[in-house]
Amino acid sequence: MVVDPENPVPNPELGPLERRVSITFEEGLALETIDREAMQYWFTEPPQGWQTEKRKLRKAHGVPVDESSDEFRHTGSDGSGRKALGDVRRGDILQGTVVEQLLHHGLRVDVGCVADALIPMRGIETWKAAAVPEVGDRVEVRVVATNDDPLFRFPLVAAPMDEGLAGAIPSAEEYRPSLDLRDVPISRYEEVARLSGREYGSQKVLVMPDNQVTNRVSEKEEFVISDEEIQLFDSIMDDL
C-alpha cells in the first residue's frame, strides 16, 4: 500500500509516534479532546527529519471496540467493581487520576466510581491561566454535585483540592451541568431546564394559516422570541 506522507494511515498498535496519530491538524481544530500525541506529532520535527516522499506501510491491525462502554460516564470498558454513584456524597474527598482533558468542559478524573468526576474548566483563557494537571497525574478532589439522571453528561462534578488550581478556575459550585440531549423529546425541555438550573419559558412561534407556506407577511400570526430564549437555546447548543 502506497501512502502519501501528508495523509498518513495510523497503526492503532503502539509504535512510532507517526503511526499512533490518526488525525490531521485541520481535524484537530474541530475536536474538543486535547490529543497530546497528535500535538507532539504536528509541532515537533522528528530526529530523522520530515518524511517528504511516498512510502509503503504494513497493513494496520484493527482494535476491537467494546460497544457496551459508556464514554459519557467512564473512560474504561465497564463499571464492574467500581463504587456506585449513589454511594458518593456531596463533600466527599476522593483521590483519582486525570484520564482526559476536555477543552470546553474540563478535566475528567477517574475516582474509582462508575462515573468519572469532572473538574469544570471552560475557555481557552482559563486553560492558559491555570496550572492544569496532565493526563496520568494524581489529584485530590471534593465532590460538589452528583446526579444519576441520564440527562447529565457528567453526573459527578468535583472541585480540585489544590488551592492553586482552584483559585485559577471558575467555582465548581456555579457550574451548569452539561446535558446529553440525544434522546430527549422537546416535551421534556422544561424539566431539563429545571434539573440543570437553567431558565425556560413559554415560546411563541411562527404559524401559517391552514398549514400552508406563504410569502405574504400579512398572513403570519406572530413570531416572537425573547433575548432570554435565544440565550437559553445557545446555552443548550453549547452543551451538546
Protein backbone atom coordinates (compact mmCIF):
# COMPACT_ATOMS: atom_id res chain seq x y z
CA MET A 1 0.00 0.00 0.00
CA VAL A 2 1.47 3.37 -1.01
CA VAL A 3 0.63 6.28 1.30
CA ASP A 4 1.04 9.99 0.79
CA PRO A 5 3.09 11.42 3.73
CA GLU A 6 0.61 14.30 4.06
CA ASN A 7 -2.24 11.84 4.66
CA PRO A 8 -0.77 9.12 6.93
CA VAL A 9 -2.65 5.93 7.82
CA PRO A 10 -2.18 5.26 11.56
CA ASN A 11 -1.23 1.98 13.11
CA PRO A 12 -3.55 1.52 16.14
CA GLU A 13 -0.92 -0.57 17.89
CA LEU A 14 1.86 1.06 19.88
CA GLY A 15 4.80 2.05 17.77
CA PRO A 16 6.47 5.15 16.33
CA LEU A 17 4.61 8.36 17.04
CA GLU A 18 3.66 8.93 13.42
CA ARG A 19 1.84 5.57 13.44
CA ARG A 20 -0.21 6.40 16.54
CA VAL A 21 -1.67 9.71 15.35
CA SER A 22 -4.95 9.28 13.50
CA ILE A 23 -5.99 12.90 12.89
CA THR A 24 -4.63 15.79 10.87
CA PHE A 25 -4.05 19.26 12.27
CA GLU A 26 -7.18 20.55 10.48
CA GLU A 27 -9.28 17.78 12.02
CA GLY A 28 -7.81 18.51 15.44
CA LEU A 29 -9.06 22.11 15.31
CA ALA A 30 -12.66 20.81 15.37
CA LEU A 31 -12.14 18.38 18.26
CA GLU A 32 -12.79 19.03 21.91
CA THR A 33 -10.39 16.45 23.33
CA ILE A 34 -6.79 17.62 23.60
CA ASP A 35 -4.61 14.97 21.95
CA ARG A 36 -1.09 15.43 23.32
CA GLU A 37 0.46 12.85 21.00
CA ALA A 38 -1.11 14.50 17.97
CA MET A 39 0.18 17.91 19.06
CA GLN A 40 3.65 16.48 19.51
CA TYR A 41 3.45 14.96 16.04
CA TRP A 42 2.22 18.17 14.44
CA PHE A 43 4.68 20.58 16.03
CA THR A 44 7.84 18.56 16.75
CA GLU A 45 10.20 17.70 13.91
CA PRO A 46 11.31 14.05 14.17
CA PRO A 47 15.06 13.34 14.63
CA GLN A 48 15.30 11.95 11.09
CA GLY A 49 13.51 14.98 9.61
CA TRP A 50 10.09 15.23 7.96
CA GLN A 51 9.01 12.50 5.56
CA THR A 52 8.75 14.02 2.08
CA GLU A 53 8.39 11.01 -0.17
CA LYS A 54 5.67 8.43 -0.56
CA ARG A 55 6.39 5.11 1.14
CA LYS A 56 4.92 1.69 1.75
CA LEU A 57 3.28 0.74 5.05
CA ARG A 58 2.27 -2.55 6.53
CA LYS A 59 -1.42 -3.27 6.87
CA ALA A 60 -2.77 -1.96 10.19
CA HIS A 61 -4.40 -4.33 12.66
CA GLY A 62 -7.89 -3.42 13.82
CA VAL A 63 -8.63 -2.89 17.51
CA PRO A 64 -11.93 -4.35 18.77
CA VAL A 65 -14.39 -1.82 20.16
CA ASP A 66 -16.40 -2.57 23.28
CA GLU A 67 -19.92 -1.49 22.34
CA SER A 68 -21.06 -1.77 25.99
CA SER A 69 -18.81 1.05 27.19
CA ASP A 70 -20.38 4.40 28.07
CA GLU A 71 -17.88 7.07 27.09
CA PHE A 72 -20.02 9.80 28.63
CA ARG A 73 -19.67 8.24 32.07
CA HIS A 74 -16.49 6.26 32.48
CA THR A 75 -13.46 6.06 30.21
CA GLY A 76 -12.96 2.36 30.98
CA SER A 77 -14.76 -0.57 29.37
CA ASP A 78 -17.29 -1.20 32.15
CA GLY A 79 -18.19 -0.28 35.71
CA SER A 80 -17.67 -3.64 37.38
CA GLY A 81 -16.04 -3.43 40.80
CA ARG A 82 -16.50 0.34 40.99
CA LYS A 83 -18.28 2.43 43.57
CA ALA A 84 -21.92 3.17 42.73
CA LEU A 85 -22.83 6.79 42.11
CA GLY A 86 -25.36 6.60 44.94
CA ASP A 87 -22.55 5.83 47.39
CA VAL A 88 -20.83 9.14 46.66
CA ARG A 89 -21.97 12.14 48.70
CA ARG A 90 -21.51 15.87 48.29
CA GLY A 91 -18.45 16.96 50.25
CA ASP A 92 -16.64 13.60 49.95
CA ILE A 93 -12.90 13.87 49.37
CA LEU A 94 -11.69 11.46 46.68
CA GLN A 95 -8.34 10.56 45.14
CA GLY A 96 -8.16 9.98 41.40
CA THR A 97 -6.20 10.07 38.16
CA VAL A 98 -6.70 12.54 35.32
CA VAL A 99 -7.83 10.49 32.31
CA GLU A 100 -8.81 13.19 29.82
CA GLN A 101 -8.50 16.92 29.15
CA LEU A 102 -11.61 18.41 27.52
CA LEU A 103 -11.09 21.95 26.23
CA HIS A 104 -14.75 23.02 26.57
CA HIS A 105 -15.63 21.05 29.70
CA GLY A 106 -12.62 20.46 31.94
CA LEU A 107 -10.69 17.55 33.45
CA ARG A 108 -12.09 14.05 33.69
CA VAL A 109 -10.79 12.25 36.75
CA ASP A 110 -11.11 8.51 37.42
CA VAL A 111 -12.02 8.34 41.11
CA GLY A 112 -12.96 4.65 41.20
CA CYS A 113 -16.66 5.34 40.63
CA VAL A 114 -18.90 4.12 37.79
CA ALA A 115 -18.78 7.72 36.53
CA ASP A 116 -15.65 9.81 36.11
CA ALA A 117 -15.58 13.08 38.05
CA LEU A 118 -15.48 16.32 36.08
CA ILE A 119 -13.46 19.33 37.27
CA PRO A 120 -15.23 22.09 35.30
CA MET A 121 -12.95 24.31 33.21
CA ARG A 122 -14.18 26.34 30.24
CA GLY A 123 -12.50 28.78 27.91
CA ILE A 124 -9.02 28.95 26.44
CA GLU A 125 -8.04 31.79 28.78
CA THR A 126 -8.84 29.59 31.78
CA TRP A 127 -6.56 26.83 30.47
CA LYS A 128 -3.77 29.35 29.89
CA ALA A 129 -4.06 30.80 33.39
CA ALA A 130 -4.28 27.53 35.32
CA ALA A 131 -1.53 25.03 36.09
CA VAL A 132 -3.54 22.20 34.54
CA PRO A 133 -2.68 18.62 35.60
CA GLU A 134 -1.61 16.32 32.79
CA VAL A 135 -3.28 13.03 31.87
CA GLY A 136 -1.98 10.43 34.31
CA ASP A 137 -1.44 12.89 37.19
CA ARG A 138 -2.92 12.04 40.59
CA VAL A 139 -5.28 14.65 42.03
CA GLU A 140 -7.46 15.07 45.10
CA VAL A 141 -11.00 16.39 44.58
CA ARG A 142 -14.05 17.38 46.62
CA VAL A 143 -17.44 16.22 45.35
CA VAL A 144 -19.67 19.20 44.53
CA ALA A 145 -22.71 17.50 42.94
CA THR A 146 -24.00 14.11 41.84
CA ASN A 147 -26.95 13.24 39.63
CA ASP A 148 -27.67 9.80 38.19
CA ASP A 149 -30.24 11.03 35.65
CA PRO A 150 -29.05 10.02 32.14
CA LEU A 151 -29.68 13.61 31.04
CA PHE A 152 -26.43 14.63 32.70
CA ARG A 153 -23.36 14.06 30.58
CA PHE A 154 -21.09 14.30 33.63
CA PRO A 155 -23.09 13.05 36.63
CA LEU A 156 -20.22 13.58 39.10
CA VAL A 157 -18.90 17.15 39.44
CA ALA A 158 -15.92 17.91 41.64
CA ALA A 159 -13.62 20.75 42.69
CA PRO A 160 -9.84 20.40 43.00
CA MET A 161 -8.37 20.45 46.49
CA ASP A 162 -5.20 22.07 45.16
CA GLU A 163 -5.55 25.74 46.12
CA GLY A 164 -3.52 27.00 43.15
CA LEU A 165 -5.71 25.24 40.60
CA ALA A 166 -8.95 26.02 42.46
CA GLY A 167 -8.08 29.72 42.53
CA ALA A 168 -7.36 29.85 38.79
CA ILE A 169 -10.60 28.28 37.52
CA PRO A 170 -14.30 29.13 37.95
CA SER A 171 -16.07 27.80 41.03
CA ALA A 172 -17.41 24.27 40.51
CA GLU A 173 -20.46 25.19 42.61
CA GLU A 174 -21.52 27.63 39.87
CA TYR A 175 -21.11 25.08 37.07
CA ARG A 176 -24.24 24.48 34.98
CA PRO A 177 -24.12 20.78 34.11
CA SER A 178 -23.62 19.69 30.51
CA LEU A 179 -26.52 17.69 29.12
CA ASP A 180 -26.92 14.68 26.84
CA LEU A 181 -29.98 15.57 24.78
CA ARG A 182 -29.60 12.89 22.11
CA ASP A 183 -32.82 11.06 23.06
CA VAL A 184 -34.69 13.82 24.90
CA PRO A 185 -38.02 14.92 23.35
CA ILE A 186 -38.97 18.59 23.26
CA SER A 187 -41.74 17.84 25.75
CA ARG A 188 -39.08 17.32 28.44
CA TYR A 189 -37.14 20.56 27.82
CA GLU A 190 -38.87 22.42 30.64
CA GLU A 191 -38.00 19.60 33.05
CA VAL A 192 -34.44 19.51 31.71
CA ALA A 193 -34.06 23.25 32.31
CA ARG A 194 -35.27 22.88 35.89
CA LEU A 195 -32.97 19.94 36.66
CA SER A 196 -29.94 21.71 35.25
CA GLY A 197 -30.56 25.09 36.87
CA ARG A 198 -31.49 26.86 33.64
CA GLU A 199 -34.49 29.08 32.94
CA TYR A 200 -37.13 28.03 30.46
CA GLY A 201 -40.27 29.91 29.47
CA SER A 202 -43.12 29.62 27.02
CA GLN A 203 -42.20 30.27 23.42
CA LYS A 204 -44.17 31.88 20.58
CA VAL A 205 -43.55 30.52 17.10
CA LEU A 206 -44.46 31.33 13.52
CA VAL A 207 -47.83 29.88 12.49
CA MET A 208 -49.04 29.87 8.89
CA PRO A 209 -52.82 29.77 8.11
CA ASP A 210 -54.10 26.35 7.08
CA ASN A 211 -50.56 24.97 7.48
CA GLN A 212 -49.68 26.39 4.06
CA VAL A 213 -46.37 28.10 3.44
CA THR A 214 -46.77 31.61 2.03
CA ASN A 215 -44.60 34.63 1.47
CA ARG A 216 -47.36 37.07 2.40
CA VAL A 217 -46.24 38.63 5.67
CA SER A 218 -49.77 39.83 6.47
CA GLU A 219 -50.90 36.22 6.99
CA LYS A 220 -48.31 35.50 9.67
CA GLU A 221 -49.95 35.37 13.04
CA GLU A 222 -46.93 36.03 15.26
CA PHE A 223 -43.23 35.32 15.59
CA VAL A 224 -41.64 36.50 18.82
CA ILE A 225 -38.54 35.08 20.51
CA SER A 226 -37.13 36.91 23.52
CA ASP A 227 -33.43 37.51 24.20
CA GLU A 228 -33.66 35.15 27.17
CA GLU A 229 -34.99 32.34 24.95
CA ILE A 230 -32.18 32.90 22.46
CA GLN A 231 -29.61 32.72 25.27
CA LEU A 232 -31.22 29.50 26.54
CA PHE A 233 -31.07 27.95 23.07
CA ASP A 234 -27.41 28.98 22.72
CA SER A 235 -26.54 27.51 26.11
CA ILE A 236 -28.20 24.19 25.25
CA MET A 237 -26.39 24.02 21.92
CA ASP A 238 -23.07 24.75 23.66
CA ASP A 239 -23.63 21.74 25.92
CA LEU A 240 -24.27 19.22 23.18
